[in-house]
C-alpha atoms as a PDB file:
ATOM      1  CA  MET A   1     -55.454  -6.703  -9.668  1.00  0.00           C
ATOM      2  CA  PRO A   2     -51.611  -6.648  -9.905  1.00  0.00           C
ATOM      3  CA  VAL A   3     -49.785  -9.964 -10.067  1.00  0.00           C
ATOM      4  CA  LYS A   4     -47.803 -10.493  -6.859  1.00  0.00           C
ATOM      5  CA  GLU A   5     -44.204 -11.690  -6.682  1.00  0.00           C
ATOM      6  CA  SER A   6     -45.382 -14.613  -4.523  1.00  0.00           C
ATOM      7  CA  GLN A   7     -47.757 -15.724  -7.300  1.00  0.00           C
ATOM      8  CA  ILE A   8     -44.971 -15.660  -9.884  1.00  0.00           C
ATOM      9  CA  ARG A   9     -42.709 -17.683  -7.588  1.00  0.00           C
ATOM     10  CA  LYS A  10     -45.381 -20.373  -7.313  1.00  0.00           C
ATOM     11  CA  LEU A  11     -46.320 -20.300 -11.004  1.00  0.00           C
ATOM     12  CA  ASN A  12     -47.228 -23.645 -12.523  1.00  0.00           C
ATOM     13  CA  LYS A  13     -45.949 -23.685 -16.097  1.00  0.00           C
ATOM     14  CA  ASN A  14     -49.345 -25.009 -17.232  1.00  0.00           C
ATOM     15  CA  ASP A  15     -51.259 -22.126 -15.647  1.00  0.00           C
ATOM     16  CA  HIS A  16     -51.852 -20.208 -18.886  1.00  0.00           C
ATOM     17  CA  ILE A  17     -54.257 -17.727 -17.267  1.00  0.00           C
ATOM     18  CA  LEU A  18     -51.680 -16.492 -14.730  1.00  0.00           C
ATOM     19  CA  ARG A  19     -48.997 -16.583 -17.428  1.00  0.00           C
ATOM     20  CA  ASN A  20     -51.074 -14.227 -19.618  1.00  0.00           C
ATOM     21  CA  GLU A  21     -51.745 -11.982 -16.609  1.00  0.00           C
ATOM     22  CA  ILE A  22     -47.997 -11.686 -15.996  1.00  0.00           C
ATOM     23  CA  ILE A  23     -47.415 -10.792 -19.658  1.00  0.00           C
ATOM     24  CA  ALA A  24     -50.117  -8.106 -19.495  1.00  0.00           C
ATOM     25  CA  GLU A  25     -48.695  -6.793 -16.203  1.00  0.00           C
ATOM     26  CA  TYR A  26     -45.157  -6.467 -17.559  1.00  0.00           C
ATOM     27  CA  LEU A  27     -45.976  -5.253 -21.081  1.00  0.00           C
ATOM     28  CA  PRO A  28     -45.485  -1.589 -20.073  1.00  0.00           C
ATOM     29  CA  TYR A  29     -41.933  -2.490 -19.022  1.00  0.00           C
ATOM     30  CA  VAL A  30     -41.310  -3.971 -22.477  1.00  0.00           C
ATOM     31  CA  ASN A  31     -42.502  -0.755 -24.122  1.00  0.00           C
ATOM     32  CA  ARG A  32     -40.428   1.394 -21.777  1.00  0.00           C
ATOM     33  CA  ILE A  33     -37.240  -0.623 -22.338  1.00  0.00           C
ATOM     34  CA  VAL A  34     -37.680  -0.612 -26.123  1.00  0.00           C
ATOM     35  CA  ASN A  35     -38.372   3.123 -26.209  1.00  0.00           C
ATOM     36  CA  ARG A  36     -35.253   3.818 -24.124  1.00  0.00           C
ATOM     37  CA  ILE A  37     -33.123   1.828 -26.560  1.00  0.00           C
ATOM     38  CA  ALA A  38     -34.879   3.243 -29.637  1.00  0.00           C
ATOM     39  CA  THR A  39     -33.743   6.750 -28.689  1.00  0.00           C
ATOM     40  CA  HIS A  40     -30.299   5.880 -30.074  1.00  0.00           C
ATOM     41  CA  LEU A  41     -31.469   4.050 -33.194  1.00  0.00           C
ATOM     42  CA  PRO A  42     -31.964   5.290 -36.761  1.00  0.00           C
ATOM     43  CA  SER A  43     -35.542   5.821 -37.935  1.00  0.00           C
ATOM     44  CA  THR A  44     -35.242   2.798 -40.243  1.00  0.00           C
ATOM     45  CA  VAL A  45     -35.483   0.435 -37.244  1.00  0.00           C
ATOM     46  CA  GLU A  46     -39.118  -0.536 -36.600  1.00  0.00           C
ATOM     47  CA  VAL A  47     -39.939  -0.036 -32.915  1.00  0.00           C
ATOM     48  CA  ASP A  48     -42.942  -2.395 -33.120  1.00  0.00           C
ATOM     49  CA  ASP A  49     -40.635  -5.207 -34.243  1.00  0.00           C
ATOM     50  CA  LEU A  50     -38.442  -4.629 -31.211  1.00  0.00           C
ATOM     51  CA  VAL A  51     -41.494  -4.612 -28.920  1.00  0.00           C
ATOM     52  CA  ASN A  52     -42.438  -8.045 -30.267  1.00  0.00           C
ATOM     53  CA  VAL A  53     -38.894  -9.268 -29.602  1.00  0.00           C
ATOM     54  CA  GLY A  54     -39.090  -7.803 -26.091  1.00  0.00           C
ATOM     55  CA  ILE A  55     -42.325  -9.712 -25.453  1.00  0.00           C
ATOM     56  CA  ILE A  56     -40.567 -12.918 -26.490  1.00  0.00           C
ATOM     57  CA  GLY A  57     -37.844 -12.050 -23.960  1.00  0.00           C
ATOM     58  CA  LEU A  58     -40.537 -11.582 -21.308  1.00  0.00           C
ATOM     59  CA  ILE A  59     -42.091 -14.956 -22.139  1.00  0.00           C
ATOM     60  CA  GLN A  60     -38.655 -16.584 -21.886  1.00  0.00           C
ATOM     61  CA  ALA A  61     -38.198 -14.931 -18.500  1.00  0.00           C
ATOM     62  CA  ILE A  62     -41.487 -16.442 -17.289  1.00  0.00           C
ATOM     63  CA  GLU A  63     -40.492 -19.880 -18.565  1.00  0.00           C
ATOM     64  CA  ARG A  64     -36.914 -19.816 -17.229  1.00  0.00           C
ATOM     65  CA  TYR A  65     -37.319 -17.950 -13.956  1.00  0.00           C
ATOM     66  CA  ASP A  66     -35.961 -19.954 -11.039  1.00  0.00           C
ATOM     67  CA  PRO A  67     -37.540 -18.747  -7.747  1.00  0.00           C
ATOM     68  CA  SER A  68     -34.877 -20.597  -5.750  1.00  0.00           C
ATOM     69  CA  ARG A  69     -32.282 -18.032  -6.877  1.00  0.00           C
ATOM     70  CA  ASP A  70     -31.882 -14.879  -4.853  1.00  0.00           C
ATOM     71  CA  ASN A  71     -33.327 -12.388  -7.333  1.00  0.00           C
ATOM     72  CA  LYS A  72     -36.763 -10.931  -7.958  1.00  0.00           C
ATOM     73  CA  PHE A  73     -38.733 -11.762 -11.084  1.00  0.00           C
ATOM     74  CA  MET A  74     -38.801  -8.074 -12.019  1.00  0.00           C
ATOM     75  CA  THR A  75     -34.985  -7.940 -12.091  1.00  0.00           C
ATOM     76  CA  TYR A  76     -34.741 -11.136 -14.129  1.00  0.00           C
ATOM     77  CA  ALA A  77     -37.510 -10.125 -16.558  1.00  0.00           C
ATOM     78  CA  VAL A  78     -36.008  -6.689 -17.268  1.00  0.00           C
ATOM     79  CA  PHE A  79     -32.628  -8.321 -17.926  1.00  0.00           C
ATOM     80  CA  ARG A  80     -34.159 -10.877 -20.323  1.00  0.00           C
ATOM     81  CA  ILE A  81     -36.204  -8.241 -22.173  1.00  0.00           C
ATOM     82  CA  LYS A  82     -33.152  -6.004 -22.675  1.00  0.00           C
ATOM     83  CA  GLY A  83     -31.063  -8.988 -23.723  1.00  0.00           C
ATOM     84  CA  ALA A  84     -33.612 -10.112 -26.311  1.00  0.00           C
ATOM     85  CA  VAL A  85     -33.862  -6.642 -27.865  1.00  0.00           C
ATOM     86  CA  LEU A  86     -30.095  -6.068 -27.992  1.00  0.00           C
ATOM     87  CA  SER A  87     -29.509  -9.573 -29.382  1.00  0.00           C
ATOM     88  CA  GLU A  88     -32.000  -8.822 -32.147  1.00  0.00           C
ATOM     89  CA  LEU A  89     -30.202  -5.594 -32.998  1.00  0.00           C
ATOM     90  CA  ARG A  90     -26.832  -7.368 -33.051  1.00  0.00           C
ATOM     91  CA  SER A  91     -28.194 -10.105 -35.316  1.00  0.00           C
ATOM     92  CA  ARG A  92     -29.433  -7.488 -37.771  1.00  0.00           C
ATOM     93  CA  ASP A  93     -26.071  -5.704 -37.624  1.00  0.00           C
ATOM     94  CA  PHE A  94     -28.053  -2.478 -37.941  1.00  0.00           C
ATOM     95  CA  LEU A  95     -24.928  -0.383 -37.463  1.00  0.00           C
ATOM     96  CA  GLY A  96     -23.076  -1.908 -40.396  1.00  0.00           C
ATOM     97  CA  ARG A  97     -19.302  -2.069 -40.839  1.00  0.00           C
ATOM     98  CA  THR A  98     -19.006   1.505 -42.130  1.00  0.00           C
ATOM     99  CA  THR A  99     -20.824   2.995 -39.136  1.00  0.00           C
ATOM    100  CA  ARG A 100     -18.824   0.882 -36.689  1.00  0.00           C
ATOM    101  CA  LYS A 101     -15.612   2.215 -38.263  1.00  0.00           C
ATOM    102  CA  LYS A 102     -16.904   5.777 -37.883  1.00  0.00           C
ATOM    103  CA  ILE A 103     -17.712   5.132 -34.212  1.00  0.00           C
ATOM    104  CA  ARG A 104     -14.213   3.802 -33.588  1.00  0.00           C
ATOM    105  CA  SER A 105     -12.772   6.795 -35.470  1.00  0.00           C
ATOM    106  CA  LEU A 106     -14.838   9.073 -33.226  1.00  0.00           C
ATOM    107  CA  GLU A 107     -13.397   7.458 -30.105  1.00  0.00           C
ATOM    108  CA  LYS A 108      -9.838   7.773 -31.431  1.00  0.00           C
ATOM    109  CA  ALA A 109     -10.384  11.406 -32.472  1.00  0.00           C
ATOM    110  CA  TYR A 110     -11.780  12.256 -29.041  1.00  0.00           C
ATOM    111  CA  LEU A 111      -8.816  10.655 -27.280  1.00  0.00           C
ATOM    112  CA  LYS A 112      -6.334  12.410 -29.595  1.00  0.00           C
ATOM    113  CA  LEU A 113      -7.855  15.887 -29.148  1.00  0.00           C
ATOM    114  CA  GLU A 114      -8.312  15.456 -25.394  1.00  0.00           C
ATOM    115  CA  GLN A 115      -4.595  14.675 -25.065  1.00  0.00           C
ATOM    116  CA  GLN A 116      -3.594  17.549 -27.347  1.00  0.00           C
ATOM    117  CA  LEU A 117      -5.868  20.186 -25.804  1.00  0.00           C
ATOM    118  CA  GLY A 118      -5.778  19.042 -22.173  1.00  0.00           C
ATOM    119  CA  ARG A 119      -9.468  19.833 -21.705  1.00  0.00           C
ATOM    120  CA  GLU A 120     -12.948  18.655 -22.650  1.00  0.00           C
ATOM    121  CA  VAL A 121     -13.281  18.463 -26.430  1.00  0.00           C
ATOM    122  CA  LYS A 122     -16.062  20.419 -28.140  1.00  0.00           C
ATOM    123  CA  ASP A 123     -18.361  18.749 -30.658  1.00  0.00           C
ATOM    124  CA  GLU A 124     -17.381  21.271 -33.328  1.00  0.00           C
ATOM    125  CA  GLU A 125     -13.706  20.371 -32.845  1.00  0.00           C
ATOM    126  CA  LEU A 126     -14.423  16.659 -33.125  1.00  0.00           C
ATOM    127  CA  ALA A 127     -16.557  17.125 -36.218  1.00  0.00           C
ATOM    128  CA  ALA A 128     -13.766  19.128 -37.863  1.00  0.00           C
ATOM    129  CA  GLU A 129     -11.174  16.488 -36.904  1.00  0.00           C
ATOM    130  CA  MET A 130     -13.367  13.807 -38.523  1.00  0.00           C
ATOM    131  CA  ASP A 131     -14.094  15.994 -41.572  1.00  0.00           C
ATOM    132  CA  MET A 132     -17.864  15.879 -40.951  1.00  0.00           C
ATOM    133  CA  ASP A 133     -20.587  18.480 -40.672  1.00  0.00           C
ATOM    134  CA  LEU A 134     -22.340  18.660 -37.301  1.00  0.00           C
ATOM    135  CA  ASP A 135     -25.436  16.730 -38.438  1.00  0.00           C
ATOM    136  CA  GLN A 136     -23.303  13.795 -39.603  1.00  0.00           C
ATOM    137  CA  PHE A 137     -21.235  13.980 -36.450  1.00  0.00           C
ATOM    138  CA  TYR A 138     -24.249  13.950 -34.114  1.00  0.00           C
ATOM    139  CA  GLN A 139     -25.669  10.939 -35.933  1.00  0.00           C
ATOM    140  CA  VAL A 140     -22.460   8.957 -35.372  1.00  0.00           C
ATOM    141  CA  LYS A 141     -22.195  10.185 -31.779  1.00  0.00           C
ATOM    142  CA  ARG A 142     -25.761   9.099 -31.021  1.00  0.00           C
ATOM    143  CA  MET A 143     -25.192   5.668 -32.546  1.00  0.00           C
ATOM    144  CA  SER A 144     -22.000   5.202 -30.529  1.00  0.00           C
ATOM    145  CA  SER A 145     -23.940   4.814 -27.287  1.00  0.00           C
ATOM    146  CA  ILE A 146     -26.290   1.959 -28.271  1.00  0.00           C
ATOM    147  CA  SER A 147     -23.733  -0.738 -27.503  1.00  0.00           C
ATOM    148  CA  PHE A 148     -21.723   0.296 -24.466  1.00  0.00           C
ATOM    149  CA  ILE A 149     -19.463  -2.778 -24.470  1.00  0.00           C
ATOM    150  CA  SER A 150     -19.632  -5.714 -26.865  1.00  0.00           C
ATOM    151  CA  PHE A 151     -18.893  -9.341 -26.017  1.00  0.00           C
ATOM    152  CA  GLU A 152     -15.874  -9.348 -28.292  1.00  0.00           C
ATOM    153  CA  GLU A 153     -14.305  -6.278 -26.663  1.00  0.00           C
ATOM    154  CA  ILE A 154     -14.008  -8.051 -23.306  1.00  0.00           C
ATOM    155  CA  GLY A 155     -12.768 -11.272 -24.893  1.00  0.00           C
ATOM    156  CA  CYS A 156     -16.028 -13.265 -25.030  1.00  0.00           C
ATOM    157  CA  THR A 157     -16.052 -14.817 -28.495  1.00  0.00           C
ATOM    158  CA  THR A 158     -17.578 -18.300 -28.174  1.00  0.00           C
ATOM    159  CA  LYS A 159     -21.246 -19.040 -27.513  1.00  0.00           C
ATOM    160  CA  GLU A 160     -20.293 -20.704 -24.216  1.00  0.00           C
ATOM    161  CA  GLU A 161     -18.368 -17.636 -23.036  1.00  0.00           C
ATOM    162  CA  LYS A 162     -21.283 -15.348 -23.912  1.00  0.00           C
ATOM    163  CA  GLU A 163     -23.785 -17.605 -22.121  1.00  0.00           C
ATOM    164  CA  ASN A 164     -21.545 -17.658 -19.060  1.00  0.00           C
ATOM    165  CA  PHE A 165     -21.308 -13.866 -19.160  1.00  0.00           C
ATOM    166  CA  LEU A 166     -25.086 -13.471 -19.401  1.00  0.00           C
ATOM    167  CA  ASN A 167     -25.644 -15.998 -16.620  1.00  0.00           C
ATOM    168  CA  TYR A 168     -23.346 -14.019 -14.368  1.00  0.00           C
ATOM    169  CA  LEU A 169     -25.139 -10.742 -15.111  1.00  0.00           C
ATOM    170  CA  ALA A 170     -28.562 -12.311 -14.488  1.00  0.00           C
ATOM    171  CA  ASN A 171     -27.765 -14.415 -11.432  1.00  0.00           C
ATOM    172  CA  ASN A 172     -24.268 -13.451 -10.207  1.00  0.00           C
ATOM    173  CA  GLU A 173     -23.249 -17.038 -10.920  1.00  0.00           C
ATOM    174  CA  GLY A 174     -20.955 -18.675 -13.435  1.00  0.00           C
ATOM    175  CA  ASP A 175     -18.411 -21.423 -14.033  1.00  0.00           C
ATOM    176  CA  ASP A 176     -15.537 -19.706 -15.845  1.00  0.00           C
ATOM    177  CA  ALA A 177     -13.398 -18.112 -13.122  1.00  0.00           C
ATOM    178  CA  LEU A 178     -11.243 -16.167 -15.615  1.00  0.00           C
ATOM    179  CA  SER A 179     -14.243 -14.657 -17.418  1.00  0.00           C
ATOM    180  CA  LEU A 180     -15.913 -13.742 -14.129  1.00  0.00           C
ATOM    181  CA  THR A 181     -12.726 -12.050 -12.923  1.00  0.00           C
ATOM    182  CA  THR A 182     -12.654  -9.946 -16.117  1.00  0.00           C
ATOM    183  CA  ILE A 183     -16.324  -9.019 -15.723  1.00  0.00           C
ATOM    184  CA  LYS A 184     -15.823  -7.974 -12.100  1.00  0.00           C
ATOM    185  CA  GLU A 185     -12.729  -5.968 -13.028  1.00  0.00           C
ATOM    186  CA  VAL A 186     -14.618  -4.122 -15.798  1.00  0.00           C
ATOM    187  CA  LYS A 187     -17.514  -3.460 -13.416  1.00  0.00           C
ATOM    188  CA  ASN A 188     -15.287  -2.119 -10.615  1.00  0.00           C
ATOM    189  CA  THR A 189     -13.137  -0.025 -12.954  1.00  0.00           C
ATOM    190  CA  LEU A 190     -16.218   1.394 -14.659  1.00  0.00           C
ATOM    191  CA  ALA A 191     -17.704   2.429 -11.310  1.00  0.00           C
ATOM    192  CA  LYS A 192     -14.418   4.183 -10.447  1.00  0.00           C
ATOM    193  CA  HIS A 193     -14.312   6.069 -13.757  1.00  0.00           C
ATOM    194  CA  ILE A 194     -17.979   7.106 -13.545  1.00  0.00           C
ATOM    195  CA  GLU A 195     -17.081   8.988 -10.364  1.00  0.00           C
ATOM    196  CA  THR A 196     -14.518  11.038 -12.332  1.00  0.00           C
ATOM    197  CA  LEU A 197     -16.962  12.161 -15.030  1.00  0.00           C
ATOM    198  CA  PRO A 198     -18.040  15.812 -15.208  1.00  0.00           C
ATOM    199  CA  GLU A 199     -21.056  16.367 -12.959  1.00  0.00           C
ATOM    200  CA  LYS A 200     -23.706  16.510 -15.685  1.00  0.00           C
ATOM    201  CA  GLU A 201     -22.390  13.404 -17.438  1.00  0.00           C
ATOM    202  CA  ARG A 202     -22.258  11.552 -14.116  1.00  0.00           C
ATOM    203  CA  LEU A 203     -25.847  12.584 -13.385  1.00  0.00           C
ATOM    204  CA  VAL A 204     -27.116  11.460 -16.789  1.00  0.00           C
ATOM    205  CA  VAL A 205     -25.333   8.091 -16.561  1.00  0.00           C
ATOM    206  CA  SER A 206     -26.724   7.514 -13.061  1.00  0.00           C
ATOM    207  CA  MET A 207     -30.274   8.513 -13.994  1.00  0.00           C
ATOM    208  CA  TYR A 208     -30.241   6.519 -17.226  1.00  0.00           C
ATOM    209  CA  TYR A 209     -28.640   3.278 -16.043  1.00  0.00           C
ATOM    210  CA  SER A 210     -29.343   3.178 -12.292  1.00  0.00           C
ATOM    211  CA  ASP A 211     -32.705   4.939 -12.116  1.00  0.00           C
ATOM    212  CA  GLU A 212     -33.881   3.565 -15.505  1.00  0.00           C
ATOM    213  CA  MET A 213     -35.173   6.982 -16.564  1.00  0.00           C
ATOM    214  CA  THR A 214     -35.851   7.862 -20.188  1.00  0.00           C
ATOM    215  CA  MET A 215     -33.982  10.639 -21.981  1.00  0.00           C
ATOM    216  CA  LYS A 216     -37.148  12.742 -21.865  1.00  0.00           C
ATOM    217  CA  GLU A 217     -37.544  12.273 -18.099  1.00  0.00           C
ATOM    218  CA  ILE A 218     -33.884  13.130 -17.510  1.00  0.00           C
ATOM    219  CA  GLY A 219     -34.284  16.267 -19.621  1.00  0.00           C
ATOM    220  CA  GLN A 220     -37.275  17.353 -17.541  1.00  0.00           C
ATOM    221  CA  ALA A 221     -35.396  16.696 -14.292  1.00  0.00           C
ATOM    222  CA  LEU A 222     -32.298  18.631 -15.411  1.00  0.00           C
ATOM    223  CA  ASP A 223     -34.241  21.305 -17.336  1.00  0.00           C
ATOM    224  CA  ILE A 224     -32.487  20.602 -20.636  1.00  0.00           C
ATOM    225  CA  THR A 225     -33.728  19.254 -23.968  1.00  0.00           C
ATOM    226  CA  GLU A 226     -33.996  15.533 -24.684  1.00  0.00           C
ATOM    227  CA  SER A 227     -31.538  16.030 -27.544  1.00  0.00           C
ATOM    228  CA  ARG A 228     -29.014  17.578 -25.145  1.00  0.00           C
ATOM    229  CA  VAL A 229     -29.422  14.626 -22.744  1.00  0.00           C
ATOM    230  CA  SER A 230     -28.680  12.252 -25.615  1.00  0.00           C
ATOM    231  CA  GLN A 231     -25.518  14.216 -26.480  1.00  0.00           C
ATOM    232  CA  ILE A 232     -24.335  14.196 -22.847  1.00  0.00           C
ATOM    233  CA  HIS A 233     -24.999  10.455 -22.585  1.00  0.00           C
ATOM    234  CA  SER A 234     -23.070   9.744 -25.781  1.00  0.00           C
ATOM    235  CA  GLN A 235     -20.187  11.904 -24.568  1.00  0.00           C
ATOM    236  CA  ALA A 236     -20.061   9.962 -21.285  1.00  0.00           C
ATOM    237  CA  VAL A 237     -20.090   6.604 -23.079  1.00  0.00           C
ATOM    238  CA  ILE A 238     -17.244   7.653 -25.402  1.00  0.00           C
ATOM    239  CA  ARG A 239     -15.236   8.935 -22.433  1.00  0.00           C
ATOM    240  CA  LEU A 240     -15.795   5.742 -20.394  1.00  0.00           C
ATOM    241  CA  ARG A 241     -15.016   3.408 -23.295  1.00  0.00           C
ATOM    242  CA  ASN A 242     -11.736   5.248 -23.871  1.00  0.00           C
ATOM    243  CA  LYS A 243     -10.848   4.952 -20.191  1.00  0.00           C
ATOM    244  CA  LEU A 244     -11.504   1.196 -20.277  1.00  0.00           C
ATOM    245  CA  ARG A 245      -9.304   0.887 -23.381  1.00  0.00           C
ATOM    246  CA  LYS A 246      -6.504   2.783 -21.607  1.00  0.00           C
ATOM    247  CA  ASP A 247      -6.827   0.320 -18.717  1.00  0.00           C
ATOM    248  CA  GLY A 248      -6.502  -2.593 -21.137  1.00  0.00           C
ATOM    249  CA  LEU A 249      -9.983  -3.909 -20.333  1.00  0.00           C
ATOM    250  CA  LEU A 250     -11.386  -3.446 -23.832  1.00  0.00           C
ATOM    251  CA  GLU A 251      -9.799  -4.946 -26.911  1.00  0.00           C
ATOM    252  CA  GLU A 252      -9.171  -2.844 -29.994  1.00  0.00           C
END
């Protein structure tokens, strides 16, 4: 029998039976979130390790959920699971300095060619500009979309600033007025730029981030391959990051 929201809201922290039922109920969400993220990761990253980290995030959500706040447990749990997995990836620095430099070079090359050509840049043109073959290029392009915006790029460098940022995302609350203004500005500007994306990129971004669909599900809905969905998603992320840099909302 599914665990009801009302049961979670009344959860006694010592009720280990209900706690385990909640974990079992939400485990499929952990797997789904991890698999969505893993699409962009190299094969060297163990998915099972990330699932375990996601479960820890779920347990933290159960322990820290405050029913007096105006958000559902599902929303809070999904946020905590994603946060735990992405924090684990950041701590491992799985991209490495060399890959991060290639990603930044990709963004600069895209911006340069877009300005020169006055049209959408083809992958072959970008690969040639970066002196890469297409396989190398697609690997960098895929990796570029795992971290849409980092803490540091929006000026959050201290632990306190990052905690405040996360608290705002989870609960729409926070203490640092300046940080919250920046977050809201990024959010509003991003929404505006998403509307200007080419139709297919806009669709993929909406289905992936708003509808929480997997790359495979998006491919089935749009009648294109999962690989093509991944390429479109990466292209959209590169385009949006460049737009935010132009607006001065992301640091170099």
